[in-house]
Amino acid sequence: MAQKGVPLDRESFSCSICLDLLKDPVTTPCGHSYCMNCIKVHWDTEDGKKLHSCPQCRKTFTPRPVLLKSTMLADLVEQLKKTGLQAAAADHCYAGPEDVACDVCTGRRRKAFKSCLVCLVSYCEKHLQPHRDVPPLKKHKLVEPSNKLQENICSRHDEVMKMFCRTDQQCICYLCSVDDHKGHDTVSAAAERTERQRELEGSRLNIQQRIQDREEDVKLLHQEVEAVNLSADKTAEDSEKIFTQLIRLLENRSSDVKQQVRSLQKREVSRVKELQEKLEQEIAELKRNDAELQKLSHTEDHNQFLHNYPSLSPPRESTDSTGINIRPLRYFEDVTAAVSQVRDELQDVLRDKRTNASLAVTEVDVLLPQAEPKTRAGFLRYSREITLDPNTAHTQLLLSDGNRKATLMSKHQSYSSHTDRFTHCCQVLSRESLTGRCYWEVEWREGVDVSVSYKNIIRTGSSGECLFGLNDKSWALHCDKNSFTLFHNFVHTPVSGPPPSRVGVYLDHSAGVLSFYSVSETMTLLHRVQTSFTQPLYAGLRIYCCGDTAEFCKVK
């Protein structure tokens, strides 16, 4: 164990591999010491060479030595740790890779304490002492340690640059001022610094004032957020209570209506059973009429059906039918109509502007319809990435770019057989179903139908039932170089405006809104459909000419 008062050298007990104090020290046969883990890792990397060497003296060992922990060396390391503050303090005085080193020190250099702008030298505390004691050196300008002192030397004249050329906006030495910069507006570097310092202080005051103003704004915004949260929480709580009361009221009324209907049902069933015997005499005739109606219902020719329908004679009333009500359900229809009227009136109240809370900064989707966006940024909040479903694509459509782009080819593609495929029309549906509020954009060339459709649209045959826009299951904006036309259920509506190369489609499914926009620097509405959607929709494309393309864009 080291004697008390004898300083321990930290470097002597450091591992030359990790450069830290030894941990579980071991000694190789050549006498050098390492951390047990460090030398093991080093030798593990040399296992392929079949030789194991000392990292310091490079002496090799065969076979690999078995190393045991050196207890005495470990004790000395622990002793060093106890006196580590002094050792660490001494070690801290020396310059590291990122420190400014003393230019006067020899050997291991200490950290610089100050740099002199006159000498252009950095000094540690020891070598700085003459600048504190010698009167001429006391006048030198000392600054914080800097690695950029050589930047103050003129590369041409090897002189300190103490001048500043305002004409060329650069630091110069005195010889430069009477040579290359003769006749320029030159001042001392100190004078220019004073001028720039005033400008800097003015800039700082301006920035500090702006910081203060913005901090006040942040406080106000924080208060506004708290106020909005409190108001929203209270409104949501109150609304929940009101709607709970309304739901309870509707449930009670529903129970009353159900009881009344069941009571009426029981009475009517009893009356019908009493009259049932009287109806037996008419059964034969009703069966004959039913057979005729059944035969007519299976007639595939529409014109023949309509021609024969009026000629069917209604069943004759029996002579004993006086007082017999053969349609008692009319009463129930009246009940349904009354309940429907209540529902419609309630919907009108909920949709009234007086109860339509303005939630412009949120995306709450409750009973109330949302306003359609006005800017492209507003539409992009609802953007959906659309991909095409290969199982629906006509065999002449080539899908590419991750199934976002469709091209009409002259040759048929090798698609597998699938019941969802369009067999007659060169069109395709999206893989994604669309509900809620959605927005997407289509790039097109030459001629294309930008469409939406229910999934149950007919896929086979040449009739209009399978063409986008020529049935009640789809809507199609036909785009060509000269015009737009909106098709739905055999009705076509001309659309004004110059055809753009990109069309934006906005869908609010619950509100029954389908809008088509011309996308450029601004959003120009081409046509808006207001209807009631009964199923999820799918985006679709129909292409007309070989070589033409249409693509669902990746919008940002």
Protein backbone atom coordinates (compact mmCIF):
# COMPACT_ATOMS: atom_id res chain seq x y z
CA MET A 1 0.00 0.00 0.00
CA ALA A 2 1.37 3.49 -0.81
CA GLN A 3 2.74 5.39 2.16
CA LYS A 4 0.77 8.31 3.45
CA GLY A 5 1.92 11.59 1.91
CA VAL A 6 3.40 9.96 -1.20
CA PRO A 7 1.35 11.21 -4.20
CA LEU A 8 0.02 8.59 -6.59
CA ASP A 9 0.36 9.19 -10.32
CA ARG A 10 -3.01 8.69 -12.01
CA GLU A 11 -1.46 7.98 -15.40
CA SER A 12 0.61 5.12 -13.96
CA PHE A 13 -2.60 3.32 -12.98
CA SER A 14 -4.54 3.99 -16.20
CA CYS A 15 -5.36 1.36 -18.82
CA SER A 16 -3.65 2.18 -22.11
CA ILE A 17 -6.65 0.81 -24.01
CA CYS A 18 -9.55 2.77 -22.45
CA LEU A 19 -7.28 5.52 -20.93
CA ASP A 20 -9.26 5.34 -17.68
CA LEU A 21 -8.33 4.04 -14.22
CA LEU A 22 -7.81 0.28 -14.19
CA LYS A 23 -10.92 -1.83 -13.51
CA ASP A 24 -10.23 -5.39 -12.30
CA PRO A 25 -6.54 -4.95 -13.23
CA VAL A 26 -4.61 -7.86 -14.74
CA THR A 27 -0.95 -8.08 -15.83
CA THR A 28 0.26 -9.76 -19.02
CA PRO A 29 3.41 -11.98 -19.02
CA CYS A 30 5.37 -9.02 -20.46
CA GLY A 31 4.54 -6.91 -17.37
CA HIS A 32 1.97 -4.44 -18.72
CA SER A 33 -1.35 -3.95 -16.95
CA TYR A 34 -4.85 -3.52 -18.39
CA CYS A 35 -8.50 -3.67 -17.40
CA MET A 36 -9.52 -7.34 -17.51
CA ASN A 37 -12.44 -6.59 -19.89
CA CYS A 38 -10.34 -4.35 -22.17
CA ILE A 39 -7.60 -6.93 -22.78
CA LYS A 40 -10.20 -9.69 -23.24
CA VAL A 41 -11.99 -7.69 -25.92
CA HIS A 42 -8.65 -6.89 -27.58
CA TRP A 43 -7.61 -10.54 -27.67
CA ASP A 44 -11.07 -11.66 -28.78
CA THR A 45 -10.52 -9.67 -31.97
CA GLU A 46 -7.19 -11.46 -32.52
CA ASP A 47 -8.51 -15.01 -32.09
CA GLY A 48 -8.52 -15.51 -35.84
CA LYS A 49 -4.75 -14.84 -36.00
CA LYS A 50 -3.95 -17.58 -33.44
CA LEU A 51 -1.50 -15.07 -31.85
CA HIS A 52 -2.20 -12.72 -28.97
CA SER A 53 -0.07 -9.60 -28.49
CA CYS A 54 0.44 -6.89 -25.90
CA PRO A 55 -1.11 -3.61 -27.11
CA GLN A 56 1.92 -1.66 -25.77
CA CYS A 57 5.07 -3.67 -26.56
CA ARG A 58 3.51 -5.94 -29.23
CA LYS A 59 5.03 -9.05 -27.70
CA THR A 60 3.08 -12.13 -28.79
CA PHE A 61 1.91 -15.06 -26.69
CA THR A 62 0.98 -18.59 -27.71
CA PRO A 63 -1.30 -19.91 -26.41
CA ARG A 64 -3.54 -17.13 -25.08
CA PRO A 65 -2.47 -16.37 -21.48
CA VAL A 66 -4.88 -17.00 -18.65
CA LEU A 67 -5.02 -13.75 -16.66
CA LEU A 68 -6.06 -13.34 -13.03
CA LYS A 69 -7.00 -10.18 -11.20
CA SER A 70 -4.01 -8.44 -9.52
CA THR A 71 -5.18 -7.82 -5.96
CA MET A 72 -2.28 -5.51 -5.01
CA LEU A 73 -2.73 -3.39 -8.13
CA ALA A 74 -6.47 -3.19 -7.46
CA ASP A 75 -5.76 -1.91 -3.93
CA LEU A 76 -3.45 0.78 -5.29
CA VAL A 77 -6.13 1.88 -7.74
CA GLU A 78 -8.64 2.17 -4.89
CA GLN A 79 -6.11 4.28 -2.95
CA LEU A 80 -5.74 6.53 -5.98
CA LYS A 81 -9.53 6.95 -6.16
CA LYS A 82 -9.51 8.20 -2.53
CA THR A 83 -7.03 10.92 -3.46
CA GLY A 84 -8.72 11.43 -6.83
CA LEU A 85 -9.81 15.01 -6.21
CA GLN A 86 -6.24 16.27 -6.15
CA ALA A 87 -5.26 14.08 -9.09
CA ALA A 88 -8.33 15.10 -11.06
CA ALA A 89 -7.70 18.75 -10.34
CA ALA A 90 -4.11 18.42 -11.57
CA ASP A 91 -5.27 16.53 -14.66
CA HIS A 92 -7.95 19.15 -15.31
CA CYS A 93 -5.23 21.78 -15.75
CA TYR A 94 -3.97 20.19 -18.94
CA ALA A 95 -5.47 21.05 -22.32
CA GLY A 96 -7.64 18.52 -24.07
CA PRO A 97 -8.43 18.26 -27.79
CA GLU A 98 -11.19 20.90 -27.57
CA ASP A 99 -9.30 23.30 -25.27
CA VAL A 100 -7.06 26.25 -26.11
CA ALA A 101 -3.51 25.25 -25.09
CA CYS A 102 -0.82 27.51 -23.66
CA ASP A 103 1.63 28.46 -26.44
CA VAL A 104 4.53 28.75 -23.97
CA CYS A 105 4.27 25.36 -22.23
CA THR A 106 6.59 22.59 -23.35
CA GLY A 107 5.76 18.89 -23.15
CA ARG A 108 2.21 18.37 -21.99
CA ARG A 109 0.66 21.82 -22.35
CA ARG A 110 -1.75 23.35 -19.86
CA LYS A 111 -5.03 25.04 -20.64
CA ALA A 112 -4.77 28.68 -21.65
CA PHE A 113 -6.19 31.13 -19.15
CA LYS A 114 -6.02 34.25 -21.37
CA SER A 115 -5.03 35.22 -24.91
CA CYS A 116 -3.13 38.44 -25.64
CA LEU A 117 -4.26 40.44 -28.67
CA VAL A 118 -0.90 42.27 -28.76
CA CYS A 119 1.40 39.26 -28.46
CA LEU A 120 -1.08 37.02 -30.31
CA VAL A 121 -0.19 34.28 -27.85
CA SER A 122 -2.30 32.25 -25.41
CA TYR A 123 -1.00 31.80 -21.83
CA CYS A 124 -1.75 29.50 -18.93
CA GLU A 125 -1.97 31.07 -15.47
CA LYS A 126 1.72 30.38 -14.81
CA HIS A 127 3.03 31.94 -18.03
CA LEU A 128 0.52 34.79 -17.85
CA GLN A 129 2.21 36.12 -14.71
CA PRO A 130 4.59 38.55 -16.57
CA HIS A 131 1.55 40.31 -18.05
CA ARG A 132 0.45 40.99 -14.48
CA ASP A 133 3.85 42.06 -13.14
CA VAL A 134 5.75 43.80 -15.96
CA PRO A 135 4.42 47.36 -16.51
CA PRO A 136 4.70 47.42 -20.35
CA LEU A 137 2.92 44.06 -20.57
CA LYS A 138 0.16 45.24 -18.27
CA LYS A 139 -1.05 47.50 -21.12
CA HIS A 140 -1.67 44.54 -23.44
CA LYS A 141 -5.25 43.60 -24.25
CA LEU A 142 -6.12 40.23 -22.64
CA VAL A 143 -9.20 38.30 -23.77
CA GLU A 144 -10.74 34.90 -23.19
CA PRO A 145 -8.67 32.04 -24.69
CA SER A 146 -9.06 31.89 -28.47
CA ASN A 147 -7.85 29.56 -31.21
CA LYS A 148 -8.37 32.27 -33.82
CA LEU A 149 -5.54 34.63 -32.93
CA GLN A 150 -3.79 34.01 -36.25
CA GLU A 151 -6.79 35.45 -38.03
CA ASN A 152 -5.65 38.85 -36.67
CA ILE A 153 -2.41 38.64 -38.69
CA CYS A 154 -2.31 40.13 -42.21
CA SER A 155 -1.47 37.28 -44.58
CA ARG A 156 0.42 39.69 -46.90
CA HIS A 157 2.49 41.77 -44.51
CA ASP A 158 2.56 39.48 -41.44
CA GLU A 159 1.44 42.40 -39.29
CA VAL A 160 -1.34 42.71 -36.72
CA MET A 161 -4.50 44.05 -38.36
CA LYS A 162 -5.39 47.08 -36.27
CA MET A 163 -7.23 49.02 -39.01
CA PHE A 164 -10.62 48.61 -40.67
CA CYS A 165 -11.42 49.59 -44.27
CA ARG A 166 -15.00 50.78 -44.45
CA THR A 167 -14.80 50.96 -48.23
CA ASP A 168 -14.03 47.22 -48.56
CA GLN A 169 -15.57 46.20 -45.22
CA GLN A 170 -12.53 44.24 -43.99
CA CYS A 171 -9.81 44.34 -41.34
CA ILE A 172 -6.39 45.46 -42.57
CA CYS A 173 -2.94 46.23 -41.18
CA TYR A 174 -1.26 49.65 -41.27
CA LEU A 175 0.81 48.77 -44.35
CA CYS A 176 -2.38 47.79 -46.20
CA SER A 177 -3.86 51.21 -45.42
CA VAL A 178 -1.02 53.00 -47.26
CA ASP A 179 -0.77 50.41 -50.02
CA ASP A 180 -3.74 48.50 -51.49
CA HIS A 181 -6.31 50.53 -49.50
CA LYS A 182 -4.77 53.95 -50.07
CA GLY A 183 -7.50 56.60 -50.39
CA HIS A 184 -10.13 54.34 -48.83
CA ASP A 185 -12.22 55.26 -45.81
CA THR A 186 -10.14 53.63 -43.05
CA VAL A 187 -10.42 53.87 -39.27
CA SER A 188 -8.93 51.99 -36.36
CA ALA A 189 -10.43 48.62 -35.57
CA ALA A 190 -11.30 49.96 -32.09
CA ALA A 191 -13.23 52.92 -33.58
CA GLU A 192 -15.15 50.65 -35.95
CA ARG A 193 -15.88 48.28 -33.06
CA THR A 194 -17.29 51.18 -31.04
CA GLU A 195 -19.60 52.12 -33.93
CA ARG A 196 -20.71 48.56 -34.52
CA GLN A 197 -21.14 48.06 -30.77
CA ARG A 198 -23.68 50.89 -30.70
CA GLU A 199 -25.56 49.26 -33.58
CA LEU A 200 -25.39 45.92 -31.81
CA GLU A 201 -26.82 47.38 -28.61
CA GLY A 202 -29.64 48.96 -30.60
CA SER A 203 -30.39 45.61 -32.23
CA ARG A 204 -30.34 43.88 -28.87
CA LEU A 205 -32.77 46.42 -27.41
CA ASN A 206 -35.08 45.87 -30.37
CA ILE A 207 -34.87 42.07 -30.00
CA GLN A 208 -35.41 42.26 -26.24
CA GLN A 209 -38.48 44.44 -26.77
CA ARG A 210 -39.82 41.96 -29.31
CA ILE A 211 -39.15 39.11 -26.89
CA GLN A 212 -41.06 40.98 -24.20
CA ASP A 213 -43.96 41.64 -26.58
CA ARG A 214 -44.09 38.02 -27.70
CA GLU A 215 -43.97 36.79 -24.11
CA GLU A 216 -46.99 38.98 -23.36
CA ASP A 217 -48.72 37.55 -26.44
CA VAL A 218 -47.93 34.02 -25.26
CA LYS A 219 -49.44 34.79 -21.85
CA LEU A 220 -52.60 36.11 -23.49
CA LEU A 221 -52.82 33.03 -25.71
CA HIS A 222 -52.33 30.81 -22.68
CA GLN A 223 -55.19 32.60 -20.93
CA GLU A 224 -57.32 32.22 -24.05
CA VAL A 225 -56.59 28.48 -24.19
CA GLU A 226 -57.64 28.13 -20.56
CA ALA A 227 -60.81 30.11 -21.23
CA VAL A 228 -61.62 28.01 -24.31
CA ASN A 229 -61.02 24.79 -22.38
CA LEU A 230 -63.20 25.87 -19.46
CA SER A 231 -66.00 27.01 -21.75
CA ALA A 232 -65.80 23.85 -23.88
CA ASP A 233 -65.77 21.57 -20.83
CA LYS A 234 -68.81 23.30 -19.34
CA THR A 235 -70.67 23.32 -22.66
CA ALA A 236 -69.90 19.63 -23.29
CA GLU A 237 -71.07 18.75 -19.76
CA ASP A 238 -74.28 20.77 -20.07
CA SER A 239 -74.98 19.43 -23.56
CA GLU A 240 -74.50 15.87 -22.34
CA LYS A 241 -77.03 16.43 -19.56
CA ILE A 242 -79.55 17.96 -21.98
CA PHE A 243 -79.13 15.18 -24.54
CA THR A 244 -79.42 12.59 -21.76
CA GLN A 245 -82.74 14.13 -20.75
CA LEU A 246 -83.82 14.21 -24.38
CA ILE A 247 -82.86 10.56 -24.86
CA ARG A 248 -84.78 9.59 -21.73
CA LEU A 249 -87.81 11.52 -22.99
CA LEU A 250 -87.61 9.77 -26.37
CA GLU A 251 -87.23 6.38 -24.73
CA ASN A 252 -90.33 6.98 -22.59
CA ARG A 253 -92.30 8.17 -25.61
CA SER A 254 -91.07 5.16 -27.61
CA SER A 255 -92.29 2.83 -24.86
CA ASP A 256 -95.73 4.53 -24.86
CA VAL A 257 -96.06 4.24 -28.64
CA LYS A 258 -95.00 0.60 -28.54
CA GLN A 259 -97.66 -0.21 -25.91
CA GLN A 260 -100.35 1.54 -27.95
CA VAL A 261 -99.34 -0.31 -31.11
CA ARG A 262 -99.34 -3.66 -29.33
CA SER A 263 -102.77 -2.96 -27.82
CA LEU A 264 -104.15 -2.05 -31.23
CA GLN A 265 -102.44 -5.11 -32.70
CA LYS A 266 -104.16 -7.39 -30.22
CA ARG A 267 -107.56 -5.87 -30.92
CA GLU A 268 -107.17 -6.01 -34.70
CA VAL A 269 -105.90 -9.60 -34.65
CA SER A 270 -108.89 -10.63 -32.61
CA ARG A 271 -111.24 -8.92 -35.05
CA VAL A 272 -109.51 -10.50 -38.05
CA LYS A 273 -109.79 -13.99 -36.56
CA GLU A 274 -113.51 -13.46 -36.07
CA LEU A 275 -113.86 -12.49 -39.72
CA GLN A 276 -111.55 -15.24 -40.99
CA GLU A 277 -114.34 -17.69 -41.68
CA LYS A 278 -116.06 -15.16 -43.91
CA LEU A 279 -112.90 -14.87 -46.02
CA GLU A 280 -112.56 -18.60 -46.70
CA GLN A 281 -115.08 -18.37 -49.55
CA GLU A 282 -112.80 -15.94 -51.38
CA ILE A 283 -109.61 -17.99 -51.05
CA ALA A 284 -110.05 -19.91 -54.31
CA GLU A 285 -110.58 -16.78 -56.35
CA LEU A 286 -107.68 -15.02 -54.60
CA LYS A 287 -105.42 -17.96 -55.42
CA ARG A 288 -106.33 -17.71 -59.09
CA ASN A 289 -105.64 -14.00 -59.05
CA ASP A 290 -102.38 -14.62 -57.27
CA ALA A 291 -101.32 -17.12 -59.94
CA GLU A 292 -102.04 -14.55 -62.67
CA LEU A 293 -100.12 -11.89 -60.78
CA GLN A 294 -97.20 -14.26 -60.23
CA LYS A 295 -97.12 -15.13 -63.92
CA LEU A 296 -97.17 -11.44 -64.80
CA SER A 297 -94.43 -10.64 -62.25
CA HIS A 298 -92.08 -13.06 -64.03
CA THR A 299 -92.62 -11.42 -67.40
CA GLU A 300 -89.18 -10.13 -68.47
CA ASP A 301 -90.48 -7.86 -71.22
CA HIS A 302 -91.23 -4.50 -69.54
CA ASN A 303 -93.58 -3.33 -72.28
CA GLN A 304 -95.56 -6.59 -72.19
CA PHE A 305 -95.81 -6.28 -68.40
CA LEU A 306 -97.19 -2.73 -68.60
CA HIS A 307 -99.57 -3.70 -71.44
CA ASN A 308 -101.11 -6.62 -69.56
CA TYR A 309 -101.18 -5.10 -66.10
CA PRO A 310 -104.29 -2.89 -66.53
CA SER A 311 -106.25 -5.79 -68.05
CA LEU A 312 -106.08 -7.78 -64.83
CA SER A 313 -109.39 -7.60 -63.02
CA PRO A 314 -109.25 -6.89 -59.29
CA PRO A 315 -110.66 -9.55 -57.01
CA ARG A 316 -114.38 -9.25 -56.56
CA GLU A 317 -115.68 -8.23 -53.22
CA SER A 318 -117.66 -10.91 -51.48
CA THR A 319 -121.24 -10.24 -50.88
CA ASP A 320 -120.77 -10.64 -47.16
CA SER A 321 -117.79 -8.22 -46.92
CA THR A 322 -119.79 -5.37 -45.47
CA GLY A 323 -117.90 -3.93 -42.52
CA ILE A 324 -114.81 -6.00 -43.18
CA ASN A 325 -111.67 -3.80 -43.10
CA ILE A 326 -109.14 -5.72 -45.16
CA ARG A 327 -106.30 -3.19 -44.54
CA PRO A 328 -106.13 -2.62 -40.79
CA LEU A 329 -102.41 -1.72 -41.08
CA ARG A 330 -103.29 1.74 -42.31
CA TYR A 331 -103.60 2.72 -38.71
CA PHE A 332 -100.03 1.61 -38.07
CA GLU A 333 -98.86 3.55 -41.11
CA ASP A 334 -100.36 6.64 -39.56
CA VAL A 335 -98.38 5.97 -36.39
CA THR A 336 -95.18 5.54 -38.41
CA ALA A 337 -95.87 8.76 -40.29
CA ALA A 338 -96.46 10.62 -37.03
CA VAL A 339 -93.22 9.31 -35.53
CA SER A 340 -91.35 10.17 -38.74
CA GLN A 341 -92.72 13.70 -38.57
CA VAL A 342 -91.45 14.04 -35.00
CA ARG A 343 -88.03 12.80 -36.15
CA ASP A 344 -87.93 15.27 -39.05
CA GLU A 345 -88.92 18.17 -36.84
CA LEU A 346 -86.26 17.20 -34.33
CA GLN A 347 -83.64 17.04 -37.10
CA ASP A 348 -84.68 20.49 -38.28
CA VAL A 349 -84.22 21.85 -34.78
CA LEU A 350 -80.78 20.24 -34.45
CA ARG A 351 -79.71 21.60 -37.84
CA ASP A 352 -81.00 25.09 -37.15
CA LYS A 353 -78.25 27.74 -37.23
CA ARG A 354 -79.16 28.81 -33.72
CA THR A 355 -77.98 25.45 -32.38
CA ASN A 356 -75.10 25.01 -34.85
CA ALA A 357 -72.02 25.73 -32.74
CA SER A 358 -69.12 27.19 -34.76
CA LEU A 359 -66.15 24.86 -34.26
CA ALA A 360 -63.84 26.25 -36.95
CA VAL A 361 -60.58 25.12 -35.31
CA THR A 362 -61.72 21.62 -34.50
CA GLU A 363 -62.83 18.59 -36.45
CA VAL A 364 -65.81 17.55 -34.38
CA ASP A 365 -68.21 15.39 -36.33
CA VAL A 366 -71.50 15.18 -34.47
CA LEU A 367 -75.06 15.89 -35.53
CA LEU A 368 -74.26 19.21 -37.18
CA PRO A 369 -72.96 19.59 -40.77
CA GLN A 370 -69.52 21.15 -41.29
CA ALA A 371 -68.81 24.01 -43.67
CA GLU A 372 -66.98 23.12 -46.87
CA PRO A 373 -63.35 24.35 -46.90
CA LYS A 374 -62.48 27.45 -48.91
CA THR A 375 -58.74 26.97 -49.54
CA ARG A 376 -56.62 24.08 -50.76
CA ALA A 377 -54.93 23.94 -47.35
CA GLY A 378 -58.38 23.49 -45.81
CA PHE A 379 -59.22 20.65 -48.21
CA LEU A 380 -55.87 18.95 -47.56
CA ARG A 381 -56.88 18.48 -43.91
CA TYR A 382 -59.17 15.72 -45.21
CA SER A 383 -56.83 14.31 -47.88
CA ARG A 384 -56.94 10.56 -48.41
CA GLU A 385 -54.35 8.44 -50.20
CA ILE A 386 -56.25 6.51 -52.86
CA THR A 387 -55.01 3.30 -54.51
CA LEU A 388 -56.68 1.34 -57.29
CA ASP A 389 -57.97 -2.19 -56.78
CA PRO A 390 -56.45 -4.52 -59.45
CA ASN A 391 -59.36 -6.94 -58.96
CA THR A 392 -61.77 -4.32 -60.38
CA ALA A 393 -59.61 -3.06 -63.27
CA HIS A 394 -60.64 -3.75 -66.86
CA THR A 395 -58.07 -5.98 -68.53
CA GLN A 396 -56.90 -3.16 -70.83
CA LEU A 397 -55.98 -0.94 -67.90
CA LEU A 398 -52.36 -1.05 -66.75
CA LEU A 399 -51.92 -0.04 -63.09
CA SER A 400 -48.59 1.45 -61.97
CA ASP A 401 -46.93 3.78 -59.41
CA GLY A 402 -48.13 1.73 -56.47
CA ASN A 403 -51.57 1.21 -58.07
CA ARG A 404 -52.23 4.97 -58.13
CA LYS A 405 -51.92 5.41 -61.91
CA ALA A 406 -54.02 3.82 -64.67
CA THR A 407 -53.09 3.73 -68.39
CA LEU A 408 -55.35 2.43 -71.17
CA MET A 409 -53.39 -0.09 -73.28
CA SER A 410 -54.19 -1.56 -76.69
CA LYS A 411 -53.44 -5.07 -75.42
CA HIS A 412 -55.14 -6.90 -72.58
CA GLN A 413 -53.20 -7.39 -69.37
CA SER A 414 -52.72 -10.74 -67.66
CA TYR A 415 -55.13 -10.25 -64.79
CA SER A 416 -56.62 -13.25 -63.00
CA SER A 417 -60.34 -13.87 -63.20
CA HIS A 418 -62.34 -12.06 -60.53
CA THR A 419 -66.03 -11.37 -59.93
CA ASP A 420 -65.31 -7.69 -59.10
CA ARG A 421 -63.69 -6.95 -62.49
CA PHE A 422 -65.33 -4.62 -65.04
CA THR A 423 -65.60 -6.67 -68.21
CA HIS A 424 -67.01 -4.15 -70.71
CA CYS A 425 -66.02 -0.65 -69.49
CA CYS A 426 -62.40 0.50 -69.26
CA GLN A 427 -62.77 1.62 -65.67
CA VAL A 428 -61.52 0.75 -62.19
CA LEU A 429 -62.51 1.37 -58.55
CA SER A 430 -60.38 2.25 -55.54
CA ARG A 431 -59.38 -0.25 -52.91
CA GLU A 432 -60.40 2.15 -50.10
CA SER A 433 -64.02 2.80 -49.13
CA LEU A 434 -64.86 6.45 -48.49
CA THR A 435 -67.05 7.74 -45.67
CA GLY A 436 -66.97 10.86 -43.54
CA ARG A 437 -65.11 13.83 -45.08
CA CYS A 438 -62.49 12.96 -47.71
CA TYR A 439 -60.49 14.83 -50.34
CA TRP A 440 -58.33 13.60 -53.20
CA GLU A 441 -56.89 14.91 -56.47
CA VAL A 442 -56.64 13.34 -59.94
CA GLU A 443 -54.14 14.24 -62.67
CA TRP A 444 -55.47 13.37 -66.12
CA ARG A 445 -54.67 13.65 -69.84
CA GLU A 446 -56.96 13.70 -72.91
CA GLY A 447 -60.21 12.07 -71.67
CA VAL A 448 -61.25 10.59 -68.33
CA ASP A 449 -64.23 10.16 -66.01
CA VAL A 450 -63.44 11.13 -62.41
CA SER A 451 -66.08 9.17 -60.48
CA VAL A 452 -67.44 7.85 -57.22
CA SER A 453 -69.59 4.73 -56.99
CA TYR A 454 -71.27 2.32 -54.63
CA LYS A 455 -69.61 -1.08 -54.45
CA ASN A 456 -72.69 -2.90 -55.77
CA ILE A 457 -72.48 -1.31 -59.23
CA ILE A 458 -72.89 -3.95 -61.97
CA ARG A 459 -69.52 -5.17 -63.30
CA THR A 460 -70.50 -7.17 -66.42
CA GLY A 461 -72.48 -6.52 -69.57
CA SER A 462 -72.62 -3.61 -72.01
CA SER A 463 -75.64 -1.74 -70.62
CA GLY A 464 -75.47 1.59 -68.85
CA GLU A 465 -75.91 -0.16 -65.53
CA CYS A 466 -72.15 -0.78 -65.37
CA LEU A 467 -70.95 2.62 -66.71
CA PHE A 468 -69.99 5.34 -64.26
CA GLY A 469 -72.70 8.01 -64.22
CA LEU A 470 -75.31 6.08 -66.21
CA ASN A 471 -77.07 4.59 -63.18
CA ASP A 472 -78.25 5.57 -59.73
CA LYS A 473 -75.18 4.00 -58.08
CA SER A 474 -72.46 6.33 -59.40
CA TRP A 475 -71.56 9.94 -60.20
CA ALA A 476 -69.02 10.81 -62.91
CA LEU A 477 -67.38 14.08 -63.99
CA HIS A 478 -66.45 13.57 -67.63
CA CYS A 479 -63.31 15.57 -68.47
CA ASP A 480 -61.87 16.27 -71.89
CA LYS A 481 -59.84 19.08 -73.42
CA ASN A 482 -62.89 21.16 -74.31
CA SER A 483 -65.48 20.73 -71.56
CA PHE A 484 -66.78 19.10 -68.40
CA THR A 485 -70.03 17.19 -67.95
CA LEU A 486 -71.51 15.69 -64.78
CA PHE A 487 -73.36 12.37 -65.30
CA HIS A 488 -75.69 10.61 -62.85
CA ASN A 489 -78.53 8.18 -63.51
CA PHE A 490 -78.63 8.99 -67.28
CA VAL A 491 -78.87 12.74 -66.55
CA HIS A 492 -76.00 14.88 -67.85
CA THR A 493 -75.29 18.40 -66.61
CA PRO A 494 -72.87 20.67 -68.54
CA VAL A 495 -70.19 22.23 -66.32
CA SER A 496 -68.66 25.60 -67.20
CA GLY A 497 -65.02 26.57 -66.83
CA PRO A 498 -61.74 25.78 -68.60
CA PRO A 499 -60.73 22.13 -68.02
CA PRO A 500 -57.63 21.93 -65.78
CA SER A 501 -55.15 19.05 -65.77
CA ARG A 502 -55.89 18.37 -62.08
CA VAL A 503 -59.31 17.85 -60.50
CA GLY A 504 -59.94 17.90 -56.76
CA VAL A 505 -62.81 15.86 -55.30
CA TYR A 506 -64.33 16.68 -51.90
CA LEU A 507 -66.77 14.27 -50.26
CA ASP A 508 -68.80 14.86 -47.10
CA HIS A 509 -70.62 11.54 -46.94
CA SER A 510 -72.85 12.24 -43.95
CA ALA A 511 -73.91 15.63 -45.35
CA GLY A 512 -74.50 14.18 -48.83
CA VAL A 513 -72.06 16.62 -50.48
CA LEU A 514 -69.88 15.71 -53.48
CA SER A 515 -67.89 18.62 -54.98
CA PHE A 516 -65.50 18.78 -57.93
CA TYR A 517 -62.85 21.51 -58.05
CA SER A 518 -60.37 22.84 -60.57
CA VAL A 519 -57.01 22.77 -58.75
CA SER A 520 -54.45 25.48 -59.58
CA GLU A 521 -53.19 28.39 -57.51
CA THR A 522 -56.77 28.73 -56.28
CA MET A 523 -59.64 26.28 -55.84
CA THR A 524 -62.42 26.86 -58.40
CA LEU A 525 -65.69 25.01 -57.84
CA LEU A 526 -66.80 23.16 -60.97
CA HIS A 527 -69.91 21.38 -59.70
CA ARG A 528 -71.47 20.38 -56.40
CA VAL A 529 -73.87 17.47 -55.87
CA GLN A 530 -76.28 17.55 -52.92
CA THR A 531 -77.87 14.19 -52.27
CA SER A 532 -78.19 11.44 -49.64
CA PHE A 533 -75.61 8.67 -49.78
CA THR A 534 -76.88 5.30 -48.56
CA GLN A 535 -73.65 3.27 -48.79
CA PRO A 536 -69.89 3.82 -48.56
CA LEU A 537 -68.43 5.20 -51.79
CA TYR A 538 -65.39 4.17 -53.84
CA ALA A 539 -63.34 6.47 -56.05
CA GLY A 540 -63.24 5.46 -59.72
CA LEU A 541 -61.57 6.23 -63.05
CA ARG A 542 -62.71 5.57 -66.60
CA ILE A 543 -60.28 6.18 -69.49
CA TYR A 544 -61.32 6.53 -73.12
CA CYS A 545 -58.32 6.48 -75.49
CA CYS A 546 -55.30 4.17 -75.71
CA GLY A 547 -52.21 5.72 -74.18
CA ASP A 548 -54.17 8.12 -71.96
CA THR A 549 -53.50 8.11 -68.23
CA ALA A 550 -55.08 9.24 -64.99
CA GLU A 551 -53.46 9.23 -61.58
CA PHE A 552 -54.45 9.74 -57.94
CA CYS A 553 -51.96 12.35 -56.73
CA LYS A 554 -49.92 12.30 -53.54
CA VAL A 555 -50.98 15.59 -52.02
CA LYS A 556 -49.13 17.47 -49.26
